[in-house]
Amino acid sequence: MKTPEALMRAIVVQSLGGPEVLNVREVPRPSPAAGEALIEVHRAGVNYTDLGRRERGWRFPRQPLPVIPGWEIAGRRVSDGVRVVGLLTTGTGGYAEYGVVPDKLTVPIPDGVEDAAALAVLVQGLTAWHALVSAARVQAGETVAVTAAAGGVGSLAIQIARLQGAARVIAVASTEDKRRLTLGLGADAAIDGTPEGFADRLREANNGASVDVVLDSVGGPIVDAALTALAHGGRLVAYGQASGASNIVSLDDLMDHSIGVFGYWALPHMHDLDGTRRTIKQLLGHVASGRLRTVQGPSFPIGDTAQAHTSIATRATVGKVTLVVDEAAWSAGQH
């Protein structure tokens, strides 16, 4: 049974903790202000950063609880019924029946593009794009290695590196099935990411030469190894710490080898609403034309959001994980 018009259902975090803190609650339906759009949500995106926010308010400005997680929504703009994707720059509000998004970050979905594919180019597509283009500044003819290459960001990064003219792309993934997937996306080689011997495997996959760019979302020993495999002028871009480990980088090593380490975090880039909208439209255009293939991961009913988070935490997923938002989906997983 639907909730009264002034209310909506949402997944609400009332206290930080494990997946069990994700529960369905009735909350006030948001109202758009000038320059904003109200979207009826049909599908919401799930990101690794959602897990960090749920556990410890990770990397976001402190917001009082309770909070509704979620950056990305796809559905119908209430004012005109147009199919759109929307990006919530606060990183909250997506796991709900309705969301309010700035007009500039509400982008029509091209005909023929599914909601899940459109969601994949928001946080993860923007991350892959900016990590390669804004941070690494990949040039035509360079070699690029991508860790966690079967994931939402990595699978897009392989292809965006190609669009930027990379001469050789090396995928790093943990299983044979994941490595096979990355080769199907256009990687020239796929290797295991075990830290021991990683630098040697990276050079071997690059025909014996060091690599120009490494994109990493894992952190820890694999970063230490990757730095030793960078060519003169090479760059490592860190955009995540899935291992939970941090690294200490020696300035002596950076200077001795003329290499650089860059960090990327999505939120500051999203303050440029016009630039973010242009990039989303460009990526959606590439999906519509077939130049960019999104890997659609598992889809969960929104009532089973806890299982979606658990699957990501245990690295049991590839591609973009999404939540279906419809009448039947709210009762799934709720006891």
Protein backbone atom coordinates (compact mmCIF):
# COMPACT_ATOMS: atom_id res chain seq x y z
CA MET A 1 0.00 0.00 0.00
CA LYS A 2 1.37 3.37 -1.00
CA THR A 3 2.15 5.98 1.61
CA PRO A 4 0.19 9.26 1.83
CA GLU A 5 1.21 11.90 -0.69
CA ALA A 6 3.08 14.02 1.87
CA LEU A 7 5.25 11.03 2.86
CA MET A 8 7.49 8.58 1.05
CA ARG A 9 9.42 5.44 1.84
CA ALA A 10 13.18 5.53 2.08
CA ILE A 11 16.11 3.53 3.39
CA VAL A 12 17.15 5.39 6.52
CA VAL A 13 20.33 5.13 8.62
CA GLN A 14 19.48 6.16 12.17
CA SER A 15 22.83 5.15 13.68
CA LEU A 16 26.17 4.32 12.08
CA GLY A 17 26.99 0.64 11.82
CA GLY A 18 26.74 -2.49 9.70
CA PRO A 19 24.20 -3.36 6.99
CA GLU A 20 21.58 -3.99 9.66
CA VAL A 21 21.20 -0.21 10.18
CA LEU A 22 19.64 0.12 6.70
CA ASN A 23 15.88 0.06 7.27
CA VAL A 24 12.73 1.13 5.46
CA ARG A 25 11.06 4.14 7.06
CA GLU A 26 8.39 6.67 6.14
CA VAL A 27 9.81 10.18 5.86
CA PRO A 28 8.57 13.51 4.48
CA ARG A 29 8.67 13.74 0.71
CA PRO A 30 11.16 16.42 -0.37
CA SER A 31 9.99 19.55 -2.17
CA PRO A 32 12.11 21.10 -4.93
CA ALA A 33 13.25 24.69 -4.60
CA ALA A 34 13.94 27.02 -7.52
CA GLY A 35 16.53 25.43 -9.79
CA GLU A 36 15.74 21.91 -8.61
CA ALA A 37 13.80 18.95 -9.98
CA LEU A 38 11.68 16.37 -8.14
CA ILE A 39 12.31 12.89 -9.54
CA GLU A 40 10.18 9.80 -8.99
CA VAL A 41 12.86 7.16 -8.47
CA HIS A 42 12.71 3.92 -10.43
CA ARG A 43 16.26 2.76 -9.75
CA ALA A 44 19.05 3.95 -7.45
CA GLY A 45 22.79 3.40 -7.72
CA VAL A 46 24.92 1.85 -4.99
CA ASN A 47 28.55 2.89 -4.53
CA TYR A 48 31.40 1.70 -2.33
CA THR A 49 31.40 5.11 -0.65
CA ASP A 50 27.82 4.46 0.53
CA LEU A 51 29.24 1.72 2.74
CA GLY A 52 31.78 4.06 4.30
CA ARG A 53 29.12 6.65 4.97
CA ARG A 54 26.86 4.05 6.61
CA GLU A 55 29.67 2.73 8.81
CA ARG A 56 31.41 5.91 9.91
CA GLY A 57 30.26 8.95 7.95
CA TRP A 58 33.36 8.48 5.80
CA ARG A 59 34.76 11.38 3.72
CA PHE A 60 31.59 13.44 3.84
CA PRO A 61 30.82 16.61 5.73
CA ARG A 62 29.27 15.60 9.01
CA GLN A 63 25.50 15.43 8.73
CA PRO A 64 23.13 14.75 11.58
CA LEU A 65 21.45 11.37 11.66
CA PRO A 66 19.09 10.04 10.51
CA VAL A 67 20.26 10.13 6.90
CA ILE A 68 19.13 8.57 3.60
CA PRO A 69 22.16 7.21 1.69
CA GLY A 70 22.64 7.35 -2.05
CA TRP A 71 24.15 9.64 -4.68
CA GLU A 72 22.40 8.51 -7.87
CA ILE A 73 18.84 8.09 -9.06
CA ALA A 74 17.11 7.28 -12.32
CA GLY A 75 13.41 7.73 -12.98
CA ARG A 76 10.85 10.25 -14.18
CA ARG A 77 11.00 13.99 -13.62
CA VAL A 78 7.67 14.75 -11.99
CA SER A 79 7.15 18.06 -13.80
CA ASP A 80 7.15 16.60 -17.31
CA GLY A 81 7.55 12.79 -17.09
CA VAL A 82 10.89 12.76 -18.91
CA ARG A 83 13.26 9.87 -18.08
CA VAL A 84 16.30 11.31 -16.34
CA VAL A 85 19.28 10.48 -14.20
CA GLY A 86 20.08 12.73 -11.28
CA LEU A 87 23.18 13.22 -9.16
CA LEU A 88 22.77 14.26 -5.52
CA THR A 89 25.87 16.27 -4.67
CA THR A 90 25.47 15.76 -0.91
CA GLY A 91 25.81 12.01 -1.36
CA THR A 92 22.47 11.49 0.38
CA GLY A 93 18.81 11.05 -0.53
CA GLY A 94 19.03 8.45 -3.29
CA TYR A 95 17.59 5.36 -1.60
CA ALA A 96 14.02 6.65 -1.67
CA GLU A 97 10.80 6.90 -3.66
CA TYR A 98 11.54 10.52 -4.59
CA GLY A 99 14.64 12.66 -4.78
CA VAL A 100 15.39 16.33 -5.36
CA VAL A 101 18.30 17.11 -7.69
CA PRO A 102 19.73 20.38 -9.05
CA ASP A 103 18.38 21.04 -12.54
CA LYS A 104 21.94 21.20 -13.85
CA LEU A 105 22.58 17.65 -12.64
CA THR A 106 19.31 16.24 -13.94
CA VAL A 107 20.13 14.80 -17.37
CA PRO A 108 17.72 13.13 -19.83
CA ILE A 109 18.48 9.47 -20.54
CA PRO A 110 18.98 8.84 -24.28
CA ASP A 111 16.56 6.49 -26.02
CA GLY A 112 17.79 2.92 -25.89
CA VAL A 113 19.84 3.40 -22.71
CA GLU A 114 18.55 1.46 -19.70
CA ASP A 115 18.29 3.06 -16.26
CA ALA A 116 21.06 0.85 -14.82
CA ALA A 117 23.42 1.76 -17.66
CA ALA A 118 22.69 5.45 -17.18
CA LEU A 119 23.40 5.20 -13.46
CA ALA A 120 26.80 3.66 -14.17
CA VAL A 121 28.13 6.86 -15.74
CA LEU A 122 27.35 9.07 -12.75
CA VAL A 123 29.65 8.63 -9.73
CA GLN A 124 31.63 5.77 -11.27
CA GLY A 125 31.77 7.19 -14.77
CA LEU A 126 32.74 10.63 -13.49
CA THR A 127 35.40 9.03 -11.27
CA ALA A 128 36.92 7.07 -14.14
CA TRP A 129 36.83 10.15 -16.39
CA HIS A 130 38.38 12.60 -13.95
CA ALA A 131 40.95 10.13 -12.63
CA LEU A 132 42.22 9.62 -16.18
CA VAL A 133 41.63 13.03 -17.73
CA SER A 134 41.84 15.57 -14.90
CA ALA A 135 44.29 13.83 -12.55
CA ALA A 136 46.47 11.53 -14.67
CA ARG A 137 46.10 13.62 -17.84
CA VAL A 138 46.52 10.55 -20.00
CA GLN A 139 48.07 11.30 -23.37
CA ALA A 140 47.73 9.42 -26.65
CA GLY A 141 50.26 6.62 -26.88
CA GLU A 142 50.67 6.10 -23.13
CA THR A 143 50.19 2.85 -21.22
CA VAL A 144 47.56 2.62 -18.48
CA ALA A 145 47.05 0.01 -15.76
CA VAL A 146 43.74 -0.19 -13.86
CA THR A 147 43.31 -2.06 -10.56
CA ALA A 148 39.91 -3.49 -9.58
CA ALA A 149 39.33 -3.41 -13.31
CA ALA A 150 36.12 -5.47 -13.31
CA GLY A 151 34.35 -3.05 -10.98
CA GLY A 152 32.11 -0.14 -11.86
CA VAL A 153 34.92 2.41 -12.14
CA GLY A 154 37.55 0.06 -13.48
CA SER A 155 35.40 -1.37 -16.28
CA LEU A 156 34.69 2.15 -17.54
CA ALA A 157 38.28 3.30 -17.02
CA ILE A 158 39.54 0.61 -19.41
CA GLN A 159 37.33 2.00 -22.16
CA ILE A 160 37.82 5.70 -21.38
CA ALA A 161 41.58 5.17 -21.51
CA ARG A 162 41.06 3.86 -25.03
CA LEU A 163 38.91 6.85 -25.95
CA GLN A 164 41.77 9.08 -24.72
CA GLY A 165 44.19 7.32 -27.06
CA ALA A 166 46.02 4.99 -24.66
CA ALA A 167 48.30 2.66 -26.60
CA ARG A 168 48.04 -0.22 -24.16
CA VAL A 169 45.65 -0.91 -21.26
CA ILE A 170 46.45 -3.47 -18.57
CA ALA A 171 43.63 -4.69 -16.35
CA VAL A 172 44.25 -5.92 -12.81
CA ALA A 173 41.60 -8.21 -11.33
CA SER A 174 41.41 -10.88 -8.65
CA THR A 175 39.85 -13.83 -10.51
CA GLU A 176 40.13 -15.47 -13.90
CA ASP A 177 36.47 -14.68 -14.69
CA LYS A 178 37.01 -11.00 -13.87
CA ARG A 179 40.17 -10.89 -15.97
CA ARG A 180 38.30 -12.47 -18.88
CA LEU A 181 35.61 -9.80 -18.56
CA THR A 182 38.18 -6.99 -18.75
CA LEU A 183 39.71 -8.43 -21.90
CA GLY A 184 36.24 -8.37 -23.45
CA LEU A 185 36.05 -4.65 -22.60
CA GLY A 186 39.21 -3.91 -24.57
CA ALA A 187 42.11 -4.45 -22.18
CA ASP A 188 45.25 -5.69 -23.93
CA ALA A 189 46.31 -7.81 -20.96
CA ALA A 190 44.87 -8.85 -17.62
CA ILE A 191 46.88 -9.81 -14.56
CA ASP A 192 46.39 -10.82 -10.93
CA GLY A 193 46.70 -8.09 -8.31
CA THR A 194 48.48 -10.03 -5.57
CA PRO A 195 51.11 -7.58 -4.26
CA GLU A 196 53.97 -10.09 -4.28
CA GLY A 197 55.55 -9.96 -7.73
CA PHE A 198 53.01 -7.37 -8.93
CA ALA A 199 55.56 -4.93 -10.38
CA ASP A 200 57.18 -7.71 -12.41
CA ARG A 201 53.83 -8.90 -13.73
CA LEU A 202 52.91 -5.32 -14.65
CA ARG A 203 56.09 -4.86 -16.69
CA GLU A 204 55.72 -8.28 -18.30
CA ALA A 205 52.17 -7.36 -19.37
CA ASN A 206 53.63 -4.18 -20.89
CA ASN A 207 56.17 -6.08 -22.98
CA GLY A 208 58.92 -5.57 -20.44
CA ALA A 209 58.52 -1.81 -20.12
CA SER A 210 57.39 0.31 -17.18
CA VAL A 211 53.91 1.86 -17.37
CA ASP A 212 52.90 5.52 -17.63
CA VAL A 213 49.74 5.56 -15.51
CA VAL A 214 48.26 3.39 -12.76
CA LEU A 215 44.69 3.95 -11.50
CA ASP A 216 44.22 2.41 -8.06
CA SER A 217 41.26 2.01 -5.73
CA VAL A 218 42.76 -0.61 -3.41
CA GLY A 219 45.66 1.01 -1.55
CA GLY A 220 48.22 -0.72 0.65
CA PRO A 221 50.98 -3.02 -0.69
CA ILE A 222 49.73 -2.98 -4.27
CA VAL A 223 50.39 0.77 -4.41
CA ASP A 224 53.93 0.33 -3.09
CA ALA A 225 54.55 -2.26 -5.80
CA ALA A 226 52.92 -0.20 -8.56
CA LEU A 227 55.10 2.82 -7.82
CA THR A 228 58.21 0.78 -8.60
CA ALA A 229 56.75 -0.09 -12.03
CA LEU A 230 56.11 3.52 -13.13
CA ALA A 231 58.08 4.90 -16.05
CA HIS A 232 59.92 8.25 -15.94
CA GLY A 233 57.16 10.85 -15.68
CA GLY A 234 54.65 8.20 -14.64
CA ARG A 235 51.62 8.94 -12.46
CA LEU A 236 49.66 6.90 -9.95
CA VAL A 237 46.13 8.13 -9.22
CA ALA A 238 44.54 6.88 -5.99
CA TYR A 239 40.76 7.13 -5.84
CA GLY A 240 39.91 4.57 -3.17
CA GLN A 241 41.18 2.39 -0.32
CA ALA A 242 39.19 -0.83 -0.60
CA SER A 243 41.89 -2.66 1.36
CA GLY A 244 41.43 -0.26 4.26
CA ALA A 245 45.16 0.50 4.17
CA SER A 246 46.93 3.82 3.71
CA ASN A 247 50.38 4.44 2.22
CA ILE A 248 53.34 6.62 3.10
CA VAL A 249 55.12 7.80 -0.03
CA SER A 250 58.77 8.89 0.02
CA LEU A 251 59.58 12.25 -1.59
CA ASP A 252 63.03 10.86 -2.34
CA ASP A 253 61.49 8.06 -4.40
CA LEU A 254 59.25 10.49 -6.28
CA MET A 255 62.17 12.77 -7.12
CA ASP A 256 64.65 9.99 -7.91
CA HIS A 257 62.29 8.49 -10.46
CA SER A 258 60.45 11.66 -11.59
CA ILE A 259 57.06 10.15 -10.83
CA GLY A 260 53.92 11.57 -9.24
CA VAL A 261 51.08 10.45 -6.98
CA PHE A 262 47.68 12.11 -7.26
CA GLY A 263 44.54 11.68 -5.22
CA TYR A 264 41.01 11.95 -6.60
CA TRP A 265 37.75 12.45 -4.71
CA ALA A 266 34.52 13.07 -6.60
CA LEU A 267 32.81 15.62 -4.39
CA PRO A 268 34.99 18.71 -5.09
CA HIS A 269 34.65 18.19 -8.85
CA MET A 270 30.86 18.11 -8.55
CA HIS A 271 30.82 21.70 -7.32
CA ASP A 272 31.33 22.60 -10.99
CA LEU A 273 27.73 21.85 -11.96
CA ASP A 274 28.08 22.93 -15.59
CA GLY A 275 31.23 20.88 -16.12
CA THR A 276 29.74 17.85 -14.40
CA ARG A 277 26.62 18.04 -16.55
CA ARG A 278 28.71 18.24 -19.73
CA THR A 279 30.71 15.18 -18.75
CA ILE A 280 27.60 13.16 -17.84
CA LYS A 281 25.98 14.03 -21.19
CA GLN A 282 29.17 13.09 -23.03
CA LEU A 283 29.41 9.75 -21.26
CA LEU A 284 25.72 9.00 -21.84
CA GLY A 285 26.27 9.84 -25.50
CA HIS A 286 29.11 7.31 -25.65
CA VAL A 287 26.84 4.67 -24.08
CA ALA A 288 24.03 5.44 -26.55
CA SER A 289 26.43 5.20 -29.52
CA GLY A 290 28.00 1.96 -28.31
CA ARG A 291 31.46 3.47 -27.76
CA LEU A 292 31.17 2.87 -24.03
CA ARG A 293 29.79 -0.34 -22.56
CA THR A 294 28.58 -0.35 -18.98
CA VAL A 295 28.86 -3.55 -17.00
CA GLN A 296 25.60 -4.08 -15.18
CA GLY A 297 26.16 -5.82 -11.89
CA PRO A 298 23.53 -7.37 -9.62
CA SER A 299 20.24 -5.61 -9.02
CA PHE A 300 18.54 -5.76 -5.62
CA PRO A 301 15.04 -4.74 -4.51
CA ILE A 302 15.40 -1.63 -2.38
CA GLY A 303 14.02 -3.44 0.66
CA ASP A 304 17.09 -5.69 0.46
CA THR A 305 19.63 -2.85 0.45
CA ALA A 306 21.53 -4.53 3.29
CA GLN A 307 22.33 -7.47 1.01
CA ALA A 308 23.51 -5.09 -1.72
CA HIS A 309 25.95 -3.51 0.73
CA THR A 310 27.13 -6.91 1.94
CA SER A 311 27.77 -8.10 -1.61
CA ILE A 312 29.92 -5.06 -2.37
CA ALA A 313 31.81 -5.34 0.92
CA THR A 314 32.73 -8.97 0.21
CA ARG A 315 33.80 -8.12 -3.36
CA ALA A 316 31.21 -10.54 -4.72
CA THR A 317 30.10 -8.13 -7.44
CA VAL A 318 31.30 -6.80 -10.77
CA GLY A 319 30.04 -3.71 -12.57
CA LYS A 320 27.31 -1.38 -11.41
CA VAL A 321 25.15 -2.44 -8.45
CA THR A 322 21.65 -0.95 -8.41
CA LEU A 323 18.47 -0.95 -6.35
CA VAL A 324 15.06 -1.43 -7.96
CA VAL A 325 12.48 0.98 -6.56
CA ASP A 326 8.91 -0.17 -7.11
CA GLU A 327 5.96 -1.22 -4.98
CA ALA A 328 7.00 -4.86 -4.56
CA ALA A 329 10.65 -4.02 -3.88
CA TRP A 330 10.01 -2.33 -0.54
CA SER A 331 8.96 -5.48 1.29
CA ALA A 332 11.92 -7.60 0.17
CA GLY A 333 14.41 -8.46 2.90
CA GLN A 334 12.39 -6.72 5.62
CA HIS A 335 11.44 -8.72 8.69
